[in-house]
Amino acid sequence: QVKLVESGGGVVHAGGSLRLSCIASGLEFSGYAMSWYRQAPGKKRELVAGLRRADGDIEYGDAVKGRFTIDRDDAQNTVYLQMNLLKPDDTAVYYCHAWNYGPLIYWGQGTQGTVSE
């Protein structure tokens, strides 16, 4: 059974930082592209950052470029999202996403990140 378990969400003031983690189990982690998405109330789910493979292609959403960093540790089956210079508009539920470059896609349950003024 595949599981993606996010952690690290919380409440911070604007300008602060959070570091999200997603631990994967039940899959061949190194063979998956790992990404972070987010969904704010009343808005569509959007890509935050994607990392195709360790030391591979990285993609960031326009709203987070220069502030967020994605990385992964294949030995620990973990993908991270370092979020700096947070803004109230970054408030959302953050989801971990795994894709095997084929038909298999998995989502985590999400972790809430809230940025206050």
Protein backbone atom coordinates (compact mmCIF):
# COMPACT_ATOMS: atom_id res chain seq x y z
CA GLN A 1 0.00 0.00 0.00
CA VAL A 2 1.42 3.35 -1.04
CA LYS A 3 1.43 6.12 1.57
CA LEU A 4 2.61 9.70 1.40
CA VAL A 5 2.66 11.37 4.80
CA GLU A 6 3.26 15.10 5.04
CA SER A 7 4.39 16.98 8.12
CA GLY A 8 5.81 20.34 9.08
CA GLY A 9 2.83 22.58 8.56
CA GLY A 10 1.88 25.19 11.11
CA VAL A 11 1.22 28.86 11.74
CA VAL A 12 3.88 31.50 11.14
CA HIS A 13 4.00 35.25 10.75
CA ALA A 14 4.64 36.87 7.39
CA GLY A 15 8.33 36.74 6.58
CA GLY A 16 8.81 33.51 8.47
CA SER A 17 9.72 30.01 7.29
CA LEU A 18 8.35 26.50 7.31
CA ARG A 19 9.92 23.25 6.20
CA LEU A 20 7.56 20.56 4.98
CA SER A 21 8.46 16.89 4.75
CA CYS A 22 6.80 14.03 2.91
CA ILE A 23 7.77 10.46 3.70
CA ALA A 24 6.80 7.88 1.09
CA SER A 25 6.32 4.18 1.62
CA GLY A 26 5.15 1.28 -0.50
CA LEU A 27 6.77 2.50 -3.71
CA GLU A 28 10.15 2.56 -5.44
CA PHE A 29 10.84 6.14 -4.41
CA SER A 30 13.78 6.82 -6.72
CA GLY A 31 11.63 6.01 -9.72
CA TYR A 32 9.07 8.71 -8.98
CA ALA A 33 8.89 12.37 -9.74
CA MET A 34 7.97 14.13 -6.50
CA SER A 35 6.10 17.40 -6.28
CA TRP A 36 4.33 19.71 -3.89
CA TYR A 37 0.95 21.23 -4.69
CA ARG A 38 -1.21 23.55 -2.64
CA GLN A 39 -4.83 24.52 -2.46
CA ALA A 40 -6.14 27.66 -0.81
CA PRO A 41 -9.82 28.07 0.15
CA GLY A 42 -11.91 28.75 -2.94
CA LYS A 43 -8.99 28.26 -5.31
CA LYS A 44 -7.80 25.48 -7.58
CA ARG A 45 -4.99 23.18 -6.57
CA GLU A 46 -1.72 24.50 -8.04
CA LEU A 47 1.81 23.25 -8.51
CA VAL A 48 4.26 24.68 -6.01
CA ALA A 49 7.40 22.74 -6.93
CA GLY A 50 8.34 19.57 -8.74
CA LEU A 51 11.54 17.56 -8.74
CA ARG A 52 11.78 14.93 -11.43
CA ARG A 53 14.66 12.91 -9.99
CA ALA A 54 17.46 13.47 -7.53
CA ASP A 55 19.71 16.11 -9.12
CA GLY A 56 17.18 16.33 -11.93
CA ASP A 57 14.88 18.90 -13.43
CA ILE A 58 13.16 21.23 -11.01
CA GLU A 59 10.08 23.34 -11.67
CA TYR A 60 8.62 26.06 -9.44
CA GLY A 61 5.33 27.86 -9.58
CA ASP A 62 5.72 31.53 -10.46
CA ALA A 63 4.37 32.65 -7.10
CA VAL A 64 7.10 30.90 -5.12
CA LYS A 65 10.20 31.26 -7.28
CA GLY A 66 13.13 32.55 -5.28
CA ARG A 67 11.45 31.81 -1.94
CA PHE A 68 10.78 28.06 -1.89
CA THR A 69 13.19 25.17 -2.44
CA ILE A 70 12.37 21.53 -3.11
CA ASP A 71 14.79 18.72 -2.49
CA ARG A 72 14.69 15.00 -1.93
CA ASP A 73 16.59 12.30 -0.08
CA ASP A 74 16.13 9.03 -1.91
CA ALA A 75 17.85 7.11 0.89
CA GLN A 76 15.15 8.33 3.30
CA ASN A 77 12.24 8.17 0.80
CA THR A 78 11.58 11.79 1.66
CA VAL A 79 10.91 14.99 -0.24
CA TYR A 80 11.15 18.39 1.41
CA LEU A 81 9.84 21.87 0.75
CA GLN A 82 11.69 24.74 2.37
CA MET A 83 9.46 27.80 2.39
CA ASN A 84 11.04 31.16 3.19
CA LEU A 85 9.77 34.74 3.17
CA LEU A 86 6.26 33.46 3.60
CA LYS A 87 3.31 35.67 2.72
CA PRO A 88 -0.34 35.47 3.78
CA ASP A 89 -1.13 34.40 0.18
CA ASP A 90 0.91 31.24 0.83
CA THR A 91 -1.76 30.07 3.27
CA ALA A 92 -3.04 26.75 1.93
CA VAL A 93 -3.15 23.02 2.40
CA TYR A 94 0.08 21.61 0.97
CA TYR A 95 -0.03 18.20 -0.70
CA CYS A 96 2.72 15.79 -1.57
CA HIS A 97 2.42 14.20 -5.04
CA ALA A 98 4.23 11.21 -6.55
CA TRP A 99 4.19 10.23 -10.24
CA ASN A 100 5.94 7.27 -11.81
CA TYR A 101 6.16 8.91 -15.27
CA GLY A 102 3.36 6.58 -16.28
CA PRO A 103 -0.15 5.84 -15.07
CA LEU A 104 0.50 5.86 -11.33
CA ILE A 105 -0.15 9.00 -9.29
CA TYR A 106 -0.40 9.25 -5.52
CA TRP A 107 -1.36 12.07 -3.17
CA GLY A 108 -0.76 12.67 0.49
CA GLN A 109 -3.46 13.79 2.88
CA GLY A 110 -2.14 17.35 3.07
CA THR A 111 -0.71 19.59 5.75
CA GLN A 112 -1.99 23.05 6.58
CA GLY A 113 0.31 26.04 6.35
CA THR A 114 -1.03 29.34 7.65
CA VAL A 115 0.74 32.68 7.35
CA SER A 116 -0.57 35.55 9.45
CA GLU A 117 -0.03 39.26 8.83
